[in-house]
Amino acid sequence: MIDYSKFEKALKHLRVQFERYKTLEPSLPEFLQEAMAESVIQRFETCRDCLWKVLKRYLEEAVGLPDVPNGPKPVLRLANENHLLPGHIEDWIEYANLRVATAHDYSGEKAQKALVPMEDFIHDATALHARLCGSKGQ
């Protein structure tokens, strides 16, 4: 049986933190706004990492694919070929690229750019979670 708990927890934390970020008072000091943005990005990174690892396991165990490659982009492509991904593969590849771009660098411009697709990512990740948990009795 596939354990979705880390993915679920990471997605929940991302969702909550992003909602907090969206409702920040503009009058808050800039350093607090930056700290909240950085927190959202870190939660995105954790969630995205959990997501592709669960997806890899799903492809191996539920779909029965042998030799699933290790790495987010190959896993995403295989998931797309097996009709698991909600939305377009280009969006998922962009989420993967975003994860690489934000690694260890949360500078102002990169942080703002990283936050733009966050709502879409949360929506797609939630839909993927529902799809994986709802199929084949998982």
N, C-alpha and C. Protein backbone atom coordinates (compact mmCIF):
# COMPACT_ATOMS: atom_id res chain seq x y z
N MET A 1 0.83 -1.18 0.00
CA MET A 1 0.00 0.00 0.00
C MET A 1 0.89 1.26 0.00
N ILE A 2 0.49 2.22 -0.76
CA ILE A 2 1.26 3.45 -0.89
C ILE A 2 0.90 4.41 0.25
N ASP A 3 1.93 4.95 0.87
CA ASP A 3 1.75 5.89 1.97
C ASP A 3 1.73 7.32 1.41
N TYR A 4 0.57 7.94 1.49
CA TYR A 4 0.40 9.30 0.98
C TYR A 4 0.56 10.35 2.07
N SER A 5 0.83 9.96 3.31
CA SER A 5 0.76 10.89 4.43
C SER A 5 1.73 12.07 4.32
N LYS A 6 2.95 11.84 3.87
CA LYS A 6 3.91 12.96 3.75
C LYS A 6 3.45 13.94 2.68
N PHE A 7 2.97 13.42 1.56
CA PHE A 7 2.46 14.27 0.49
C PHE A 7 1.25 15.06 0.98
N GLU A 8 0.32 14.38 1.67
CA GLU A 8 -0.87 15.05 2.19
C GLU A 8 -0.50 16.16 3.17
N LYS A 9 0.42 15.87 4.06
CA LYS A 9 0.84 16.86 5.06
C LYS A 9 1.53 18.04 4.39
N ALA A 10 2.40 17.76 3.44
CA ALA A 10 3.12 18.83 2.73
C ALA A 10 2.15 19.71 1.94
N LEU A 11 1.17 19.09 1.30
CA LEU A 11 0.18 19.84 0.53
C LEU A 11 -0.68 20.70 1.45
N LYS A 12 -1.08 20.14 2.57
CA LYS A 12 -1.87 20.90 3.54
C LYS A 12 -1.09 22.12 4.05
N HIS A 13 0.16 21.91 4.42
CA HIS A 13 0.98 23.01 4.93
C HIS A 13 1.20 24.09 3.87
N LEU A 14 1.40 23.67 2.64
CA LEU A 14 1.57 24.63 1.55
C LEU A 14 0.29 25.44 1.37
N ARG A 15 -0.83 24.76 1.33
CA ARG A 15 -2.12 25.43 1.13
C ARG A 15 -2.36 26.46 2.24
N VAL A 16 -2.15 26.08 3.47
CA VAL A 16 -2.38 26.98 4.62
C VAL A 16 -1.43 28.17 4.56
N GLN A 17 -0.17 27.91 4.31
CA GLN A 17 0.82 29.00 4.30
C GLN A 17 0.58 29.95 3.13
N PHE A 18 0.17 29.42 1.99
CA PHE A 18 -0.10 30.29 0.84
C PHE A 18 -1.33 31.17 1.12
N GLU A 19 -2.34 30.62 1.76
CA GLU A 19 -3.51 31.43 2.12
C GLU A 19 -3.12 32.53 3.09
N ARG A 20 -2.25 32.23 4.03
CA ARG A 20 -1.75 33.26 4.95
C ARG A 20 -1.00 34.34 4.19
N TYR A 21 -0.18 33.91 3.26
CA TYR A 21 0.60 34.86 2.47
C TYR A 21 -0.32 35.80 1.68
N LYS A 22 -1.35 35.24 1.07
CA LYS A 22 -2.26 36.05 0.25
C LYS A 22 -3.02 37.09 1.08
N THR A 23 -3.17 36.85 2.35
CA THR A 23 -3.94 37.77 3.19
C THR A 23 -3.07 38.67 4.05
N LEU A 24 -1.78 38.73 3.75
CA LEU A 24 -0.88 39.61 4.51
C LEU A 24 -1.30 41.06 4.36
N GLU A 25 -1.17 41.79 5.42
CA GLU A 25 -1.42 43.23 5.38
C GLU A 25 -0.26 43.90 4.65
N PRO A 26 -0.57 44.76 3.69
CA PRO A 26 0.50 45.46 2.97
C PRO A 26 1.35 46.35 3.88
N SER A 27 0.83 46.68 5.03
CA SER A 27 1.55 47.55 5.95
C SER A 27 2.62 46.81 6.76
N LEU A 28 2.65 45.46 6.65
CA LEU A 28 3.67 44.70 7.37
C LEU A 28 5.06 45.09 6.87
N PRO A 29 6.03 45.08 7.77
CA PRO A 29 7.41 45.37 7.33
C PRO A 29 7.83 44.42 6.21
N GLU A 30 8.65 44.93 5.33
CA GLU A 30 9.09 44.16 4.17
C GLU A 30 9.77 42.85 4.56
N PHE A 31 10.55 42.86 5.61
CA PHE A 31 11.25 41.63 6.00
C PHE A 31 10.27 40.54 6.42
N LEU A 32 9.13 40.91 6.99
CA LEU A 32 8.12 39.91 7.35
C LEU A 32 7.40 39.38 6.11
N GLN A 33 7.15 40.25 5.16
CA GLN A 33 6.54 39.81 3.91
C GLN A 33 7.49 38.86 3.17
N GLU A 34 8.77 39.20 3.16
CA GLU A 34 9.76 38.33 2.51
C GLU A 34 9.85 36.98 3.22
N ALA A 35 9.82 37.01 4.55
CA ALA A 35 9.90 35.76 5.31
C ALA A 35 8.71 34.86 4.99
N MET A 36 7.54 35.44 4.87
CA MET A 36 6.35 34.64 4.55
C MET A 36 6.46 34.08 3.13
N ALA A 37 6.94 34.89 2.19
CA ALA A 37 7.12 34.41 0.82
C ALA A 37 8.11 33.26 0.79
N GLU A 38 9.21 33.39 1.53
CA GLU A 38 10.21 32.33 1.58
C GLU A 38 9.63 31.05 2.18
N SER A 39 8.79 31.21 3.17
CA SER A 39 8.15 30.05 3.79
C SER A 39 7.25 29.33 2.80
N VAL A 40 6.49 30.08 2.02
CA VAL A 40 5.62 29.47 1.00
C VAL A 40 6.48 28.70 0.00
N ILE A 41 7.56 29.29 -0.44
CA ILE A 41 8.43 28.65 -1.43
C ILE A 41 9.04 27.36 -0.85
N GLN A 42 9.48 27.42 0.39
CA GLN A 42 10.04 26.21 1.01
C GLN A 42 8.98 25.11 1.12
N ARG A 43 7.77 25.49 1.45
CA ARG A 43 6.69 24.50 1.54
C ARG A 43 6.34 23.95 0.15
N PHE A 44 6.43 24.79 -0.87
CA PHE A 44 6.24 24.32 -2.24
C PHE A 44 7.31 23.28 -2.59
N GLU A 45 8.56 23.58 -2.26
CA GLU A 45 9.65 22.66 -2.57
C GLU A 45 9.42 21.30 -1.91
N THR A 46 9.04 21.32 -0.65
CA THR A 46 8.79 20.08 0.08
C THR A 46 7.63 19.32 -0.54
N CYS A 47 6.56 20.02 -0.85
CA CYS A 47 5.38 19.40 -1.44
C CYS A 47 5.70 18.79 -2.80
N ARG A 48 6.39 19.54 -3.63
CA ARG A 48 6.72 19.06 -4.97
C ARG A 48 7.63 17.83 -4.89
N ASP A 49 8.57 17.84 -3.94
CA ASP A 49 9.45 16.68 -3.78
C ASP A 49 8.67 15.45 -3.32
N CYS A 50 7.77 15.62 -2.37
CA CYS A 50 6.93 14.51 -1.92
C CYS A 50 6.05 14.00 -3.06
N LEU A 51 5.52 14.92 -3.84
CA LEU A 51 4.61 14.58 -4.93
C LEU A 51 5.27 13.65 -5.93
N TRP A 52 6.45 14.00 -6.43
CA TRP A 52 7.02 13.16 -7.48
C TRP A 52 7.46 11.80 -6.93
N LYS A 53 7.85 11.76 -5.65
CA LYS A 53 8.26 10.48 -5.07
C LYS A 53 7.06 9.55 -4.88
N VAL A 54 5.92 10.11 -4.48
CA VAL A 54 4.70 9.31 -4.37
C VAL A 54 4.25 8.85 -5.76
N LEU A 55 4.36 9.75 -6.71
CA LEU A 55 3.98 9.42 -8.08
C LEU A 55 4.84 8.29 -8.63
N LYS A 56 6.12 8.32 -8.34
CA LYS A 56 7.03 7.25 -8.76
C LYS A 56 6.58 5.91 -8.16
N ARG A 57 6.30 5.94 -6.89
CA ARG A 57 5.86 4.71 -6.22
C ARG A 57 4.53 4.21 -6.80
N TYR A 58 3.64 5.13 -7.10
CA TYR A 58 2.34 4.76 -7.69
C TYR A 58 2.55 4.10 -9.05
N LEU A 59 3.44 4.67 -9.85
CA LEU A 59 3.71 4.08 -11.17
C LEU A 59 4.27 2.66 -11.03
N GLU A 60 5.10 2.45 -10.03
CA GLU A 60 5.69 1.13 -9.82
C GLU A 60 4.65 0.14 -9.27
N GLU A 61 3.94 0.56 -8.23
CA GLU A 61 3.07 -0.38 -7.50
C GLU A 61 1.66 -0.49 -8.08
N ALA A 62 1.02 0.63 -8.35
CA ALA A 62 -0.37 0.58 -8.80
C ALA A 62 -0.48 0.36 -10.30
N VAL A 63 0.41 1.00 -11.05
CA VAL A 63 0.37 0.84 -12.51
C VAL A 63 1.16 -0.39 -12.93
N GLY A 64 2.17 -0.74 -12.14
CA GLY A 64 2.95 -1.94 -12.42
C GLY A 64 4.07 -1.74 -13.42
N LEU A 65 4.57 -0.53 -13.52
CA LEU A 65 5.66 -0.27 -14.46
C LEU A 65 7.00 -0.68 -13.85
N PRO A 66 7.77 -1.46 -14.58
CA PRO A 66 9.10 -1.80 -14.09
C PRO A 66 10.09 -0.70 -14.44
N ASP A 67 11.11 -0.58 -13.67
CA ASP A 67 12.21 0.34 -13.98
C ASP A 67 11.76 1.79 -14.20
N VAL A 68 10.98 2.32 -13.28
CA VAL A 68 10.60 3.73 -13.36
C VAL A 68 11.85 4.54 -13.05
N PRO A 69 12.20 5.48 -13.92
CA PRO A 69 13.42 6.25 -13.70
C PRO A 69 13.32 7.08 -12.42
N ASN A 70 14.47 7.44 -11.91
CA ASN A 70 14.53 8.24 -10.69
C ASN A 70 14.78 9.69 -11.09
N GLY A 71 13.88 10.55 -10.74
CA GLY A 71 13.99 11.97 -11.06
C GLY A 71 12.63 12.53 -11.40
N PRO A 72 12.38 13.76 -11.02
CA PRO A 72 11.04 14.31 -11.18
C PRO A 72 10.54 14.41 -12.63
N LYS A 73 11.34 14.92 -13.52
CA LYS A 73 10.85 15.10 -14.89
C LYS A 73 10.54 13.78 -15.60
N PRO A 74 11.42 12.76 -15.51
CA PRO A 74 11.06 11.48 -16.13
C PRO A 74 9.81 10.86 -15.51
N VAL A 75 9.66 11.00 -14.20
CA VAL A 75 8.47 10.47 -13.53
C VAL A 75 7.22 11.20 -14.01
N LEU A 76 7.31 12.52 -14.13
CA LEU A 76 6.18 13.30 -14.61
C LEU A 76 5.80 12.91 -16.03
N ARG A 77 6.80 12.71 -16.87
CA ARG A 77 6.51 12.31 -18.25
C ARG A 77 5.83 10.94 -18.31
N LEU A 78 6.31 10.01 -17.51
CA LEU A 78 5.68 8.68 -17.45
C LEU A 78 4.26 8.77 -16.90
N ALA A 79 4.07 9.60 -15.89
CA ALA A 79 2.72 9.78 -15.33
C ALA A 79 1.79 10.36 -16.38
N ASN A 80 2.30 11.28 -17.17
CA ASN A 80 1.48 11.87 -18.24
C ASN A 80 1.12 10.82 -19.29
N GLU A 81 2.10 10.01 -19.66
CA GLU A 81 1.85 8.94 -20.64
C GLU A 81 0.79 7.95 -20.14
N ASN A 82 0.68 7.82 -18.82
CA ASN A 82 -0.29 6.91 -18.21
C ASN A 82 -1.55 7.63 -17.75
N HIS A 83 -1.73 8.84 -18.25
CA HIS A 83 -2.96 9.63 -18.02
C HIS A 83 -3.26 9.87 -16.55
N LEU A 84 -2.21 10.10 -15.77
CA LEU A 84 -2.39 10.35 -14.34
C LEU A 84 -2.43 11.83 -13.99
N LEU A 85 -1.76 12.65 -14.79
CA LEU A 85 -1.64 14.06 -14.44
C LEU A 85 -2.87 14.86 -14.84
N PRO A 86 -3.43 15.61 -13.90
CA PRO A 86 -4.46 16.57 -14.30
C PRO A 86 -3.76 17.75 -14.97
N GLY A 87 -4.40 18.35 -15.91
CA GLY A 87 -3.79 19.50 -16.58
C GLY A 87 -2.81 19.07 -17.66
N HIS A 88 -1.94 19.99 -18.02
CA HIS A 88 -1.00 19.79 -19.12
C HIS A 88 0.40 19.45 -18.60
N ILE A 89 1.07 18.58 -19.30
CA ILE A 89 2.43 18.19 -18.92
C ILE A 89 3.36 19.41 -18.87
N GLU A 90 3.14 20.38 -19.75
CA GLU A 90 3.98 21.57 -19.76
C GLU A 90 3.92 22.30 -18.41
N ASP A 91 2.74 22.32 -17.80
CA ASP A 91 2.61 22.96 -16.48
C ASP A 91 3.42 22.19 -15.44
N TRP A 92 3.34 20.88 -15.48
CA TRP A 92 4.07 20.06 -14.51
C TRP A 92 5.58 20.20 -14.68
N ILE A 93 6.03 20.28 -15.93
CA ILE A 93 7.46 20.48 -16.18
C ILE A 93 7.87 21.87 -15.67
N GLU A 94 7.01 22.85 -15.85
CA GLU A 94 7.30 24.19 -15.34
C GLU A 94 7.39 24.19 -13.82
N TYR A 95 6.52 23.42 -13.14
CA TYR A 95 6.63 23.31 -11.68
C TYR A 95 7.97 22.69 -11.30
N ALA A 96 8.42 21.71 -12.06
CA ALA A 96 9.72 21.08 -11.79
C ALA A 96 10.84 22.08 -12.01
N ASN A 97 10.75 22.87 -13.08
CA ASN A 97 11.76 23.89 -13.35
C ASN A 97 11.77 24.95 -12.24
N LEU A 98 10.59 25.29 -11.78
CA LEU A 98 10.47 26.28 -10.71
C LEU A 98 11.17 25.78 -9.46
N ARG A 99 11.02 24.51 -9.15
CA ARG A 99 11.66 23.92 -7.98
C ARG A 99 13.17 24.04 -8.09
N VAL A 100 13.71 23.78 -9.26
CA VAL A 100 15.16 23.89 -9.47
C VAL A 100 15.60 25.35 -9.34
N ALA A 101 14.81 26.25 -9.90
CA ALA A 101 15.16 27.67 -9.89
C ALA A 101 15.16 28.27 -8.49
N THR A 102 14.32 27.74 -7.61
CA THR A 102 14.22 28.32 -6.27
C THR A 102 15.19 27.70 -5.28
N ALA A 103 15.82 26.61 -5.64
CA ALA A 103 16.69 25.91 -4.70
C ALA A 103 17.76 26.85 -4.15
N HIS A 104 17.69 27.10 -2.87
CA HIS A 104 18.70 27.87 -2.14
C HIS A 104 18.82 29.33 -2.56
N ASP A 105 17.87 29.84 -3.32
CA ASP A 105 17.91 31.25 -3.72
C ASP A 105 16.50 31.81 -3.70
N TYR A 106 16.22 32.59 -2.68
CA TYR A 106 14.88 33.16 -2.54
C TYR A 106 14.93 34.67 -2.71
N SER A 107 15.78 35.14 -3.60
CA SER A 107 15.89 36.58 -3.81
C SER A 107 14.56 37.15 -4.24
N GLY A 108 14.38 38.44 -4.04
CA GLY A 108 13.11 39.11 -4.28
C GLY A 108 12.46 38.78 -5.61
N GLU A 109 13.17 38.93 -6.69
CA GLU A 109 12.60 38.68 -8.02
C GLU A 109 12.25 37.21 -8.22
N LYS A 110 13.15 36.32 -7.81
CA LYS A 110 12.88 34.89 -7.95
C LYS A 110 11.71 34.47 -7.07
N ALA A 111 11.64 35.03 -5.88
CA ALA A 111 10.54 34.69 -4.97
C ALA A 111 9.21 35.11 -5.58
N GLN A 112 9.14 36.30 -6.09
CA GLN A 112 7.89 36.78 -6.69
C GLN A 112 7.50 35.94 -7.90
N LYS A 113 8.49 35.59 -8.71
CA LYS A 113 8.23 34.75 -9.88
C LYS A 113 7.75 33.36 -9.47
N ALA A 114 8.31 32.84 -8.38
CA ALA A 114 7.94 31.52 -7.90
C ALA A 114 6.52 31.49 -7.35
N LEU A 115 6.06 32.60 -6.83
CA LEU A 115 4.74 32.64 -6.22
C LEU A 115 3.61 32.75 -7.25
N VAL A 116 3.92 33.17 -8.46
CA VAL A 116 2.89 33.36 -9.49
C VAL A 116 2.11 32.08 -9.77
N PRO A 117 2.77 30.94 -10.03
CA PRO A 117 1.99 29.73 -10.35
C PRO A 117 1.55 28.91 -9.12
N MET A 118 1.73 29.46 -7.92
CA MET A 118 1.49 28.68 -6.72
C MET A 118 0.04 28.20 -6.61
N GLU A 119 -0.90 29.05 -6.91
CA GLU A 119 -2.31 28.65 -6.83
C GLU A 119 -2.61 27.52 -7.82
N ASP A 120 -2.06 27.61 -9.02
CA ASP A 120 -2.25 26.56 -10.02
C ASP A 120 -1.62 25.25 -9.56
N PHE A 121 -0.41 25.36 -8.99
CA PHE A 121 0.26 24.15 -8.49
C PHE A 121 -0.57 23.49 -7.41
N ILE A 122 -1.06 24.27 -6.46
CA ILE A 122 -1.86 23.72 -5.37
C ILE A 122 -3.11 23.03 -5.93
N HIS A 123 -3.75 23.66 -6.89
CA HIS A 123 -4.93 23.07 -7.52
C HIS A 123 -4.58 21.75 -8.21
N ASP A 124 -3.51 21.76 -9.01
CA ASP A 124 -3.11 20.55 -9.74
C ASP A 124 -2.65 19.44 -8.80
N ALA A 125 -1.89 19.80 -7.77
CA ALA A 125 -1.41 18.81 -6.81
C ALA A 125 -2.58 18.19 -6.04
N THR A 126 -3.56 19.01 -5.70
CA THR A 126 -4.75 18.51 -5.00
C THR A 126 -5.53 17.55 -5.91
N ALA A 127 -5.67 17.91 -7.17
CA ALA A 127 -6.36 17.04 -8.13
C ALA A 127 -5.60 15.74 -8.34
N LEU A 128 -4.28 15.82 -8.40
CA LEU A 128 -3.47 14.60 -8.56
C LEU A 128 -3.64 13.70 -7.33
N HIS A 129 -3.59 14.29 -6.17
CA HIS A 129 -3.76 13.51 -4.94
C HIS A 129 -5.10 12.77 -4.96
N ALA A 130 -6.14 13.48 -5.32
CA ALA A 130 -7.48 12.86 -5.39
C ALA A 130 -7.50 11.73 -6.41
N ARG A 131 -6.85 11.93 -7.52
CA ARG A 131 -6.82 10.91 -8.58
C ARG A 131 -6.07 9.66 -8.11
N LEU A 132 -4.93 9.87 -7.47
CA LEU A 132 -4.14 8.72 -7.01
C LEU A 132 -4.83 7.96 -5.90
N CYS A 133 -5.42 8.68 -4.96
CA CYS A 133 -6.07 8.03 -3.82
C CYS A 133 -7.40 7.41 -4.21
N GLY A 134 -8.04 7.94 -5.24
CA GLY A 134 -9.35 7.45 -5.63
C GLY A 134 -9.33 6.27 -6.57
N SER A 135 -8.18 6.01 -7.19
CA SER A 135 -8.14 4.94 -8.19
C SER A 135 -7.59 3.66 -7.60
N LYS A 136 -8.07 2.56 -8.10
CA LYS A 136 -7.60 1.21 -7.76
C LYS A 136 -7.61 0.95 -6.26
N GLY A 137 -8.53 1.60 -5.55
CA GLY A 137 -8.68 1.32 -4.13
C GLY A 137 -7.53 1.81 -3.28
N GLN A 138 -6.69 2.65 -3.80
CA GLN A 138 -5.54 3.15 -3.03
C GLN A 138 -5.97 4.19 -2.03
